[in-house]
């Protein structure tokens, strides 16, 4: 399936299947510009496929949507230093 002509009929394609198990659907878990194949269409680059499915696993739709927003829209901080992020995350959890 390509992005052009995507009509939403694929939404929830894995819902209720053995692949999703007790979760809602199977999520890509790493959708981002780096895992998107683009093609020129009418003078602009358009997404046509997603690649790198090694992190795909059962999950919740909302987590996939949140990750896509973070990656494509630049919402929230970028994680550049994993050890610093882990330290801040542990501190945040301790303060709750």
PDB file of N, CA and C in Angstrom:
ATOM      1  N   UNK A   1       0.843  -1.166   0.000  1.00  0.00           N
ATOM      2  CA  UNK A   1       0.000   0.000   0.000  1.00  0.00           C
ATOM      3  C   UNK A   1       0.890   1.231   0.000  1.00  0.00           C
ATOM      4  N   UNK A   2       0.540   2.215  -0.760  1.00  0.00           N
ATOM      5  CA  UNK A   2       1.311   3.449  -0.791  1.00  0.00           C
ATOM      6  C   UNK A   2       0.547   4.549  -0.085  1.00  0.00           C
ATOM      7  N   UNK A   3       1.258   5.600   0.276  1.00  0.00           N
ATOM      8  CA  UNK A   3       0.629   6.719   0.971  1.00  0.00           C
ATOM      9  C   UNK A   3      -0.382   7.402   0.071  1.00  0.00           C
ATOM     10  N   UNK A   4      -0.061   7.511  -1.209  1.00  0.00           N
ATOM     11  CA  UNK A   4      -1.021   8.112  -2.122  1.00  0.00           C
ATOM     12  C   UNK A   4      -2.168   7.130  -2.324  1.00  0.00           C
ATOM     13  N   UNK A   5      -3.364   7.588  -2.153  1.00  0.00           N
ATOM     14  CA  UNK A   5      -4.511   6.712  -2.289  1.00  0.00           C
ATOM     15  C   UNK A   5      -4.834   5.942  -1.026  1.00  0.00           C
ATOM     16  N   UNK A   6      -4.187   6.252   0.067  1.00  0.00           N
ATOM     17  CA  UNK A   6      -4.459   5.602   1.346  1.00  0.00           C
ATOM     18  C   UNK A   6      -5.856   6.026   1.795  1.00  0.00           C
ATOM     19  N   UNK A   7      -6.764   5.116   1.899  1.00  0.00           N
ATOM     20  CA  UNK A   7      -8.141   5.488   2.233  1.00  0.00           C
ATOM     21  C   UNK A   7      -8.534   5.124   3.655  1.00  0.00           C
ATOM     22  N   UNK A   8      -7.600   4.640   4.454  1.00  0.00           N
ATOM     23  CA  UNK A   8      -7.913   4.305   5.837  1.00  0.00           C
ATOM     24  C   UNK A   8      -8.436   2.896   6.017  1.00  0.00           C
ATOM     25  N   UNK A   9      -8.653   2.155   4.935  1.00  0.00           N
ATOM     26  CA  UNK A   9      -9.189   0.803   5.061  1.00  0.00           C
ATOM     27  C   UNK A   9      -8.202  -0.127   5.763  1.00  0.00           C
ATOM     28  N   UNK A  10      -6.928   0.260   5.814  1.00  0.00           N
ATOM     29  CA  UNK A  10      -5.912  -0.537   6.506  1.00  0.00           C
ATOM     30  C   UNK A  10      -5.925  -0.294   8.009  1.00  0.00           C
ATOM     31  N   UNK A  11      -6.631   0.739   8.464  1.00  0.00           N
ATOM     32  CA  UNK A  11      -6.644   1.099   9.884  1.00  0.00           C
ATOM     33  C   UNK A  11      -7.169  -0.067  10.707  1.00  0.00           C
ATOM     34  N   UNK A  12      -6.356  -0.551  11.618  1.00  0.00           N
ATOM     35  CA  UNK A  12      -6.789  -1.663  12.451  1.00  0.00           C
ATOM     36  C   UNK A  12      -6.742  -3.000  11.748  1.00  0.00           C
ATOM     37  N   UNK A  13      -5.967  -3.100  10.691  1.00  0.00           N
ATOM     38  CA  UNK A  13      -5.894  -4.334   9.906  1.00  0.00           C
ATOM     39  C   UNK A  13      -5.532  -5.541  10.762  1.00  0.00           C
ATOM     40  N   UNK A  14      -4.710  -5.344  11.784  1.00  0.00           N
ATOM     41  CA  UNK A  14      -4.296  -6.458  12.632  1.00  0.00           C
ATOM     42  C   UNK A  14      -5.143  -6.585  13.896  1.00  0.00           C
ATOM     43  N   UNK A  15      -6.101  -5.677  14.084  1.00  0.00           N
ATOM     44  CA  UNK A  15      -6.946  -5.719  15.288  1.00  0.00           C
ATOM     45  C   UNK A  15      -7.710  -7.037  15.353  1.00  0.00           C
ATOM     46  N   UNK A  16      -7.686  -7.661  16.523  1.00  0.00           N
ATOM     47  CA  UNK A  16      -8.432  -8.899  16.717  1.00  0.00           C
ATOM     48  C   UNK A  16      -7.768 -10.139  16.139  1.00  0.00           C
ATOM     49  N   UNK A  17      -6.552 -10.010  15.634  1.00  0.00           N
ATOM     50  CA  UNK A  17      -5.857 -11.173  15.075  1.00  0.00           C
ATOM     51  C   UNK A  17      -4.857 -11.722  16.089  1.00  0.00           C
ATOM     52  N   UNK A  18      -4.365 -12.917  15.815  1.00  0.00           N
ATOM     53  CA  UNK A  18      -3.357 -13.527  16.689  1.00  0.00           C
ATOM     54  C   UNK A  18      -2.076 -12.695  16.722  1.00  0.00           C
ATOM     55  N   UNK A  19      -1.797 -11.966  15.643  1.00  0.00           N
ATOM     56  CA  UNK A  19      -0.602 -11.118  15.609  1.00  0.00           C
ATOM     57  C   UNK A  19      -0.634 -10.055  16.701  1.00  0.00           C
ATOM     58  N   UNK A  20      -1.804  -9.487  16.947  1.00  0.00           N
ATOM     59  CA  UNK A  20      -1.941  -8.426  17.952  1.00  0.00           C
ATOM     60  C   UNK A  20      -2.065  -8.992  19.360  1.00  0.00           C
ATOM     61  N   UNK A  21      -2.409 -10.253  19.471  1.00  0.00           N
ATOM     62  CA  UNK A  21      -2.571 -10.859  20.794  1.00  0.00           C
ATOM     63  C   UNK A  21      -3.631 -10.133  21.593  1.00  0.00           C
ATOM     64  N   UNK A  22      -3.326  -9.791  22.832  1.00  0.00           N
ATOM     65  CA  UNK A  22      -4.298  -9.105  23.683  1.00  0.00           C
ATOM     66  C   UNK A  22      -4.247  -7.588  23.507  1.00  0.00           C
ATOM     67  N   UNK A  23      -3.403  -7.103  22.608  1.00  0.00           N
ATOM     68  CA  UNK A  23      -3.285  -5.667  22.356  1.00  0.00           C
ATOM     69  C   UNK A  23      -4.212  -5.253  21.220  1.00  0.00           C
ATOM     70  N   UNK A  24      -4.302  -3.941  20.992  1.00  0.00           N
ATOM     71  CA  UNK A  24      -5.198  -3.430  19.955  1.00  0.00           C
ATOM     72  C   UNK A  24      -4.759  -3.815  18.545  1.00  0.00           C
ATOM     73  N   UNK A  25      -3.507  -3.524  18.228  1.00  0.00           N
ATOM     74  CA  UNK A  25      -2.992  -3.723  16.868  1.00  0.00           C
ATOM     75  C   UNK A  25      -1.499  -4.049  16.927  1.00  0.00           C
ATOM     76  N   UNK A  26      -0.907  -4.320  15.778  1.00  0.00           N
ATOM     77  CA  UNK A  26       0.547  -4.419  15.682  1.00  0.00           C
ATOM     78  C   UNK A  26       1.047  -3.041  15.243  1.00  0.00           C
ATOM     79  N   UNK A  27       1.954  -2.471  16.033  1.00  0.00           N
ATOM     80  CA  UNK A  27       2.496  -1.141  15.762  1.00  0.00           C
ATOM     81  C   UNK A  27       3.892  -1.243  15.146  1.00  0.00           C
ATOM     82  N   UNK A  28       4.249  -0.279  14.348  1.00  0.00           N
ATOM     83  CA  UNK A  28       5.593  -0.198  13.778  1.00  0.00           C
ATOM     84  C   UNK A  28       6.606   0.117  14.880  1.00  0.00           C
ATOM     85  N   UNK A  29       6.260   1.020  15.771  1.00  0.00           N
ATOM     86  CA  UNK A  29       7.065   1.441  16.929  1.00  0.00           C
ATOM     87  C   UNK A  29       8.306   2.260  16.596  1.00  0.00           C
ATOM     88  N   UNK A  30       8.495   2.625  15.351  1.00  0.00           N
ATOM     89  CA  UNK A  30       9.629   3.484  14.994  1.00  0.00           C
ATOM     90  C   UNK A  30       9.338   4.268  13.719  1.00  0.00           C
ATOM     91  N   UNK A  31       8.072   4.656  13.526  1.00  0.00           N
ATOM     92  CA  UNK A  31       7.747   5.452  12.346  1.00  0.00           C
ATOM     93  C   UNK A  31       8.371   6.828  12.511  1.00  0.00           C
ATOM     94  N   UNK A  32       9.157   7.213  11.535  1.00  0.00           N
ATOM     95  CA  UNK A  32       9.831   8.503  11.560  1.00  0.00           C
ATOM     96  C   UNK A  32      10.290   8.821  10.141  1.00  0.00           C
ATOM     97  N   UNK A  33      10.706  10.044   9.903  1.00  0.00           N
ATOM     98  CA  UNK A  33      11.190  10.380   8.561  1.00  0.00           C
ATOM     99  C   UNK A  33      12.320   9.466   8.082  1.00  0.00           C
ATOM    100  N   UNK A  34      13.168   8.999   9.015  1.00  0.00           N
ATOM    101  CA  UNK A  34      14.289   8.132   8.604  1.00  0.00           C
ATOM    102  C   UNK A  34      13.818   6.755   8.149  1.00  0.00           C
ATOM    103  N   UNK A  35      12.611   6.364   8.504  1.00  0.00           N
ATOM    104  CA  UNK A  35      12.064   5.067   8.097  1.00  0.00           C
ATOM    105  C   UNK A  35      10.937   5.218   7.081  1.00  0.00           C
ATOM    106  N   UNK A  36      10.967   6.323   6.374  1.00  0.00           N
ATOM    107  CA  UNK A  36       9.962   6.608   5.356  1.00  0.00           C
ATOM    108  C   UNK A  36      10.653   6.743   4.010  1.00  0.00           C
ATOM    109  N   UNK A  37      10.089   6.100   3.001  1.00  0.00           N
ATOM    110  CA  UNK A  37      10.601   6.227   1.638  1.00  0.00           C
ATOM    111  C   UNK A  37       9.781   7.314   0.954  1.00  0.00           C
ATOM    112  N   UNK A  38      10.469   8.259   0.345  1.00  0.00           N
ATOM    113  CA  UNK A  38       9.808   9.379  -0.328  1.00  0.00           C
ATOM    114  C   UNK A  38      10.026   9.288  -1.831  1.00  0.00           C
ATOM    115  N   UNK A  39       9.057   9.814  -2.581  1.00  0.00           N
ATOM    116  CA  UNK A  39       9.148   9.845  -4.037  1.00  0.00           C
ATOM    117  C   UNK A  39       8.624  11.205  -4.515  1.00  0.00           C
ATOM    118  N   UNK A  40       9.250  11.776  -5.543  1.00  0.00           N
ATOM    119  CA  UNK A  40       8.734  13.042  -6.076  1.00  0.00           C
ATOM    120  C   UNK A  40       7.362  12.825  -6.723  1.00  0.00           C
ATOM    121  N   UNK A  41       6.405  13.617  -6.304  1.00  0.00           N
ATOM    122  CA  UNK A  41       5.054  13.574  -6.874  1.00  0.00           C
ATOM    123  C   UNK A  41       4.615  15.017  -7.079  1.00  0.00           C
ATOM    124  N   UNK A  42       4.332  15.384  -8.298  1.00  0.00           N
ATOM    125  CA  UNK A  42       3.894  16.747  -8.619  1.00  0.00           C
ATOM    126  C   UNK A  42       4.846  17.799  -8.054  1.00  0.00           C
ATOM    127  N   UNK A  43       6.137  17.552  -8.159  1.00  0.00           N
ATOM    128  CA  UNK A  43       7.135  18.522  -7.740  1.00  0.00           C
ATOM    129  C   UNK A  43       7.443  18.562  -6.254  1.00  0.00           C
ATOM    130  N   UNK A  44       6.842  17.671  -5.471  1.00  0.00           N
ATOM    131  CA  UNK A  44       7.109  17.628  -4.026  1.00  0.00           C
ATOM    132  C   UNK A  44       7.393  16.192  -3.611  1.00  0.00           C
ATOM    133  N   UNK A  45       8.210  16.029  -2.578  1.00  0.00           N
ATOM    134  CA  UNK A  45       8.470  14.686  -2.065  1.00  0.00           C
ATOM    135  C   UNK A  45       7.281  14.221  -1.239  1.00  0.00           C
ATOM    136  N   UNK A  46       6.798  13.033  -1.541  1.00  0.00           N
ATOM    137  CA  UNK A  46       5.652  12.457  -0.828  1.00  0.00           C
ATOM    138  C   UNK A  46       6.040  11.097  -0.267  1.00  0.00           C
ATOM    139  N   UNK A  47       5.551  10.754   0.927  1.00  0.00           N
ATOM    140  CA  UNK A  47       5.838   9.424   1.479  1.00  0.00           C
ATOM    141  C   UNK A  47       5.113   8.350   0.677  1.00  0.00           C
ATOM    142  N   UNK A  48       5.831   7.271   0.372  1.00  0.00           N
ATOM    143  CA  UNK A  48       5.221   6.184  -0.394  1.00  0.00           C
ATOM    144  C   UNK A  48       5.329   4.828   0.297  1.00  0.00           C
ATOM    145  N   UNK A  49       6.192   4.710   1.312  1.00  0.00           N
ATOM    146  CA  UNK A  49       6.332   3.427   2.012  1.00  0.00           C
ATOM    147  C   UNK A  49       7.046   3.632   3.344  1.00  0.00           C
ATOM    148  N   UNK A  50       6.790   2.710   4.257  1.00  0.00           N
ATOM    149  CA  UNK A  50       7.513   2.673   5.530  1.00  0.00           C
ATOM    150  C   UNK A  50       8.421   1.451   5.521  1.00  0.00           C
ATOM    151  N   UNK A  51       9.635   1.619   6.041  1.00  0.00           N
ATOM    152  CA  UNK A  51      10.610   0.531   6.086  1.00  0.00           C
ATOM    153  C   UNK A  51      11.069   0.309   7.522  1.00  0.00           C
ATOM    154  N   UNK A  52      11.934  -0.671   7.729  1.00  0.00           N
ATOM    155  CA  UNK A  52      12.567  -0.957   9.016  1.00  0.00           C
ATOM    156  C   UNK A  52      11.535  -1.373  10.064  1.00  0.00           C
ATOM    157  N   UNK A  53      10.967  -2.522   9.867  1.00  0.00           N
ATOM    158  CA  UNK A  53       9.903  -3.027  10.746  1.00  0.00           C
ATOM    159  C   UNK A  53      10.437  -3.919  11.869  1.00  0.00           C
ATOM    160  N   UNK A  54      11.727  -3.837  12.198  1.00  0.00           N
ATOM    161  CA  UNK A  54      12.297  -4.741  13.200  1.00  0.00           C
ATOM    162  C   UNK A  54      11.750  -4.512  14.611  1.00  0.00           C
ATOM    163  N   UNK A  55      11.187  -3.355  14.900  1.00  0.00           N
ATOM    164  CA  UNK A  55      10.613  -3.092  16.227  1.00  0.00           C
ATOM    165  C   UNK A  55       9.100  -3.316  16.276  1.00  0.00           C
ATOM    166  N   UNK A  56       8.515  -3.778  15.179  1.00  0.00           N
ATOM    167  CA  UNK A  56       7.065  -3.997  15.144  1.00  0.00           C
ATOM    168  C   UNK A  56       6.650  -4.994  16.219  1.00  0.00           C
ATOM    169  N   UNK A  57       5.570  -4.653  16.912  1.00  0.00           N
ATOM    170  CA  UNK A  57       5.088  -5.502  18.003  1.00  0.00           C
ATOM    171  C   UNK A  57       3.662  -5.104  18.351  1.00  0.00           C
ATOM    172  N   UNK A  58       2.942  -5.986  19.032  1.00  0.00           N
ATOM    173  CA  UNK A  58       1.597  -5.627  19.478  1.00  0.00           C
ATOM    174  C   UNK A  58       1.649  -4.393  20.381  1.00  0.00           C
ATOM    175  N   UNK A  59       0.658  -3.531  20.242  1.00  0.00           N
ATOM    176  CA  UNK A  59       0.625  -2.320  21.057  1.00  0.00           C
ATOM    177  C   UNK A  59      -0.685  -1.578  20.928  1.00  0.00           C
ATOM    178  N   UNK A  60      -0.702  -0.386  21.474  1.00  0.00           N
ATOM    179  CA  UNK A  60      -1.898   0.464  21.450  1.00  0.00           C
ATOM    180  C   UNK A  60      -1.780   1.504  20.338  1.00  0.00           C
ATOM    181  N   UNK A  61      -2.889   1.745  19.658  1.00  0.00           N
ATOM    182  CA  UNK A  61      -2.901   2.733  18.579  1.00  0.00           C
ATOM    183  C   UNK A  61      -2.390   4.091  19.059  1.00  0.00           C
ATOM    184  N   UNK A  62      -2.810   4.502  20.256  1.00  0.00           N
ATOM    185  CA  UNK A  62      -2.463   5.834  20.752  1.00  0.00           C
ATOM    186  C   UNK A  62      -0.957   5.998  20.920  1.00  0.00           C
ATOM    187  N   UNK A  63      -0.247   4.932  21.278  1.00  0.00           N
ATOM    188  CA  UNK A  63       1.210   5.031  21.405  1.00  0.00           C
ATOM    189  C   UNK A  63       1.857   5.255  20.041  1.00  0.00           C
ATOM    190  N   UNK A  64       1.337   4.593  19.029  1.00  0.00           N
ATOM    191  CA  UNK A  64       1.866   4.778  17.676  1.00  0.00           C
ATOM    192  C   UNK A  64       1.596   6.201  17.197  1.00  0.00           C
ATOM    193  N   UNK A  65       0.398   6.701  17.451  1.00  0.00           N
ATOM    194  CA  UNK A  65       0.042   8.067  17.047  1.00  0.00           C
ATOM    195  C   UNK A  65       0.930   9.080  17.768  1.00  0.00           C
ATOM    196  N   UNK A  66       1.131   8.887  19.068  1.00  0.00           N
ATOM    197  CA  UNK A  66       1.978   9.809  19.834  1.00  0.00           C
ATOM    198  C   UNK A  66       3.407   9.804  19.300  1.00  0.00           C
ATOM    199  N   UNK A  67       3.933   8.626  18.992  1.00  0.00           N
ATOM    200  CA  UNK A  67       5.301   8.532  18.469  1.00  0.00           C
ATOM    201  C   UNK A  67       5.414   9.229  17.115  1.00  0.00           C
ATOM    202  N   UNK A  68       4.428   9.029  16.261  1.00  0.00           N
ATOM    203  CA  UNK A  68       4.431   9.671  14.945  1.00  0.00           C
ATOM    204  C   UNK A  68       4.402  11.192  15.099  1.00  0.00           C
ATOM    205  N   UNK A  69       3.563  11.701  15.996  1.00  0.00           N
ATOM    206  CA  UNK A  69       3.511  13.155  16.228  1.00  0.00           C
ATOM    207  C   UNK A  69       4.857  13.671  16.712  1.00  0.00           C
ATOM    208  N   UNK A  70       5.468  12.951  17.636  1.00  0.00           N
ATOM    209  CA  UNK A  70       6.768  13.354  18.175  1.00  0.00           C
ATOM    210  C   UNK A  70       7.820  13.390  17.068  1.00  0.00           C
ATOM    211  N   UNK A  71       7.836  12.371  16.222  1.00  0.00           N
ATOM    212  CA  UNK A  71       8.864  12.266  15.193  1.00  0.00           C
ATOM    213  C   UNK A  71       8.646  13.204  14.008  1.00  0.00           C
ATOM    214  N   UNK A  72       7.411  13.283  13.522  1.00  0.00           N
ATOM    215  CA  UNK A  72       7.150  14.058  12.311  1.00  0.00           C
ATOM    216  C   UNK A  72       6.860  15.525  12.593  1.00  0.00           C
ATOM    217  N   UNK A  73       6.272  15.823  13.735  1.00  0.00           N
ATOM    218  CA  UNK A  73       5.870  17.197  14.027  1.00  0.00           C
ATOM    219  C   UNK A  73       6.827  17.908  14.968  1.00  0.00           C
ATOM    220  N   UNK A  74       7.805  17.191  15.492  1.00  0.00           N
ATOM    221  CA  UNK A  74       8.775  17.806  16.384  1.00  0.00           C
ATOM    222  C   UNK A  74       8.194  18.181  17.737  1.00  0.00           C
ATOM    223  N   UNK A  75       7.192  17.438  18.189  1.00  0.00           N
ATOM    224  CA  UNK A  75       6.602  17.710  19.494  1.00  0.00           C
ATOM    225  C   UNK A  75       7.469  17.094  20.578  1.00  0.00           C
ATOM    226  N   UNK A  76       7.812  17.842  21.577  1.00  0.00           N
ATOM    227  CA  UNK A  76       8.612  17.321  22.680  1.00  0.00           C
ATOM    228  C   UNK A  76      10.092  17.358  22.367  1.00  0.00           C
ATOM    229  N   UNK A  77      10.904  17.083  23.374  1.00  0.00           N
ATOM    230  CA  UNK A  77      12.357  17.159  23.198  1.00  0.00           C
ATOM    231  C   UNK A  77      12.910  15.972  22.414  1.00  0.00           C
ATOM    232  N   UNK A  78      13.971  16.229  21.694  1.00  0.00           N
ATOM    233  CA  UNK A  78      14.673  15.150  21.003  1.00  0.00           C
ATOM    234  C   UNK A  78      15.611  14.481  22.002  1.00  0.00           C
ATOM    235  N   UNK A  79      15.743  13.178  21.899  1.00  0.00           N
ATOM    236  CA  UNK A  79      16.650  12.450  22.785  1.00  0.00           C
ATOM    237  C   UNK A  79      17.962  12.244  22.042  1.00  0.00           C
ATOM    238  N   UNK A  80      18.980  12.945  22.477  1.00  0.00           N
ATOM    239  CA  UNK A  80      20.283  12.824  21.841  1.00  0.00           C
ATOM    240  C   UNK A  80      21.264  12.077  22.747  1.00  0.00           C
ATOM    241  N   UNK A  81      21.088  12.203  24.043  1.00  0.00           N
ATOM    242  CA  UNK A  81      21.967  11.552  25.013  1.00  0.00           C
ATOM    243  C   UNK A  81      21.117  10.603  25.854  1.00  0.00           C
ATOM    244  N   UNK A  82      21.188   9.315  25.558  1.00  0.00           N
ATOM    245  CA  UNK A  82      20.324   8.334  26.211  1.00  0.00           C
ATOM    246  C   UNK A  82      20.577   8.273  27.712  1.00  0.00           C
ATOM    247  N   UNK A  83      21.831   8.347  28.143  1.00  0.00           N
ATOM    248  CA  UNK A  83      22.107   8.277  29.582  1.00  0.00           C
ATOM    249  C   UNK A  83      21.534   9.489  30.309  1.00  0.00           C
ATOM    250  N   UNK A  84      21.612  10.668  29.694  1.00  0.00           N
ATOM    251  CA  UNK A  84      21.027  11.869  30.294  1.00  0.00           C
ATOM    252  C   UNK A  84      19.513  11.730  30.370  1.00  0.00           C
ATOM    253  N   UNK A  85      18.901  11.201  29.308  1.00  0.00           N
ATOM    254  CA  UNK A  85      17.453  11.005  29.305  1.00  0.00           C
ATOM    255  C   UNK A  85      17.040  10.030  30.402  1.00  0.00           C
ATOM    256  N   UNK A  86      17.782   8.935  30.554  1.00  0.00           N
ATOM    257  CA  UNK A  86      17.463   7.937  31.583  1.00  0.00           C
ATOM    258  C   UNK A  86      17.555   8.564  32.971  1.00  0.00           C
ATOM    259  N   UNK A  87      18.566   9.411  33.190  1.00  0.00           N
ATOM    260  CA  UNK A  87      18.722  10.087  34.481  1.00  0.00           C
ATOM    261  C   UNK A  87      17.536  11.022  34.743  1.00  0.00           C
ATOM    262  N   UNK A  88      17.170  11.823  33.738  1.00  0.00           N
ATOM    263  CA  UNK A  88      16.038  12.746  33.907  1.00  0.00           C
ATOM    264  C   UNK A  88      14.735  11.990  34.102  1.00  0.00           C
ATOM    265  N   UNK A  89      14.561  10.875  33.398  1.00  0.00           N
ATOM    266  CA  UNK A  89      13.347  10.072  33.537  1.00  0.00           C
ATOM    267  C   UNK A  89      13.255   9.480  34.942  1.00  0.00           C
ATOM    268  N   UNK A  90      14.376   8.963  35.465  1.00  0.00           N
ATOM    269  CA  UNK A  90      14.392   8.402  36.823  1.00  0.00           C
ATOM    270  C   UNK A  90      14.091   9.485  37.852  1.00  0.00           C
ATOM    271  N   UNK A  91      14.641  10.668  37.668  1.00  0.00           N
ATOM    272  CA  UNK A  91      14.381  11.783  38.578  1.00  0.00           C
ATOM    273  C   UNK A  91      12.912  12.182  38.525  1.00  0.00           C
ATOM    274  N   UNK A  92      12.367  12.245  37.331  1.00  0.00           N
ATOM    275  CA  UNK A  92      10.953  12.590  37.160  1.00  0.00           C
ATOM    276  C   UNK A  92      10.053  11.577  37.865  1.00  0.00           C
ATOM    277  N   UNK A  93      10.366  10.293  37.724  1.00  0.00           N
ATOM    278  CA  UNK A  93       9.565   9.246  38.380  1.00  0.00           C
ATOM    279  C   UNK A  93       9.677   9.345  39.903  1.00  0.00           C
ATOM    280  N   UNK A  94      10.866   9.665  40.403  1.00  0.00           N
ATOM    281  CA  UNK A  94      11.071   9.771  41.853  1.00  0.00           C
ATOM    282  C   UNK A  94      10.295  10.945  42.444  1.00  0.00           C
ATOM    283  N   UNK A  95      10.109  11.988  41.657  1.00  0.00           N
ATOM    284  CA  UNK A  95       9.406  13.178  42.143  1.00  0.00           C
ATOM    285  C   UNK A  95       7.891  13.048  42.081  1.00  0.00           C
ATOM    286  N   UNK A  96       7.398  12.028  41.437  1.00  0.00           N
ATOM    287  CA  UNK A  96       5.930  11.855  41.324  1.00  0.00           C
ATOM    288  C   UNK A  96       5.333  11.311  42.574  1.00  0.00           C
TER     289      UNK A  96
END
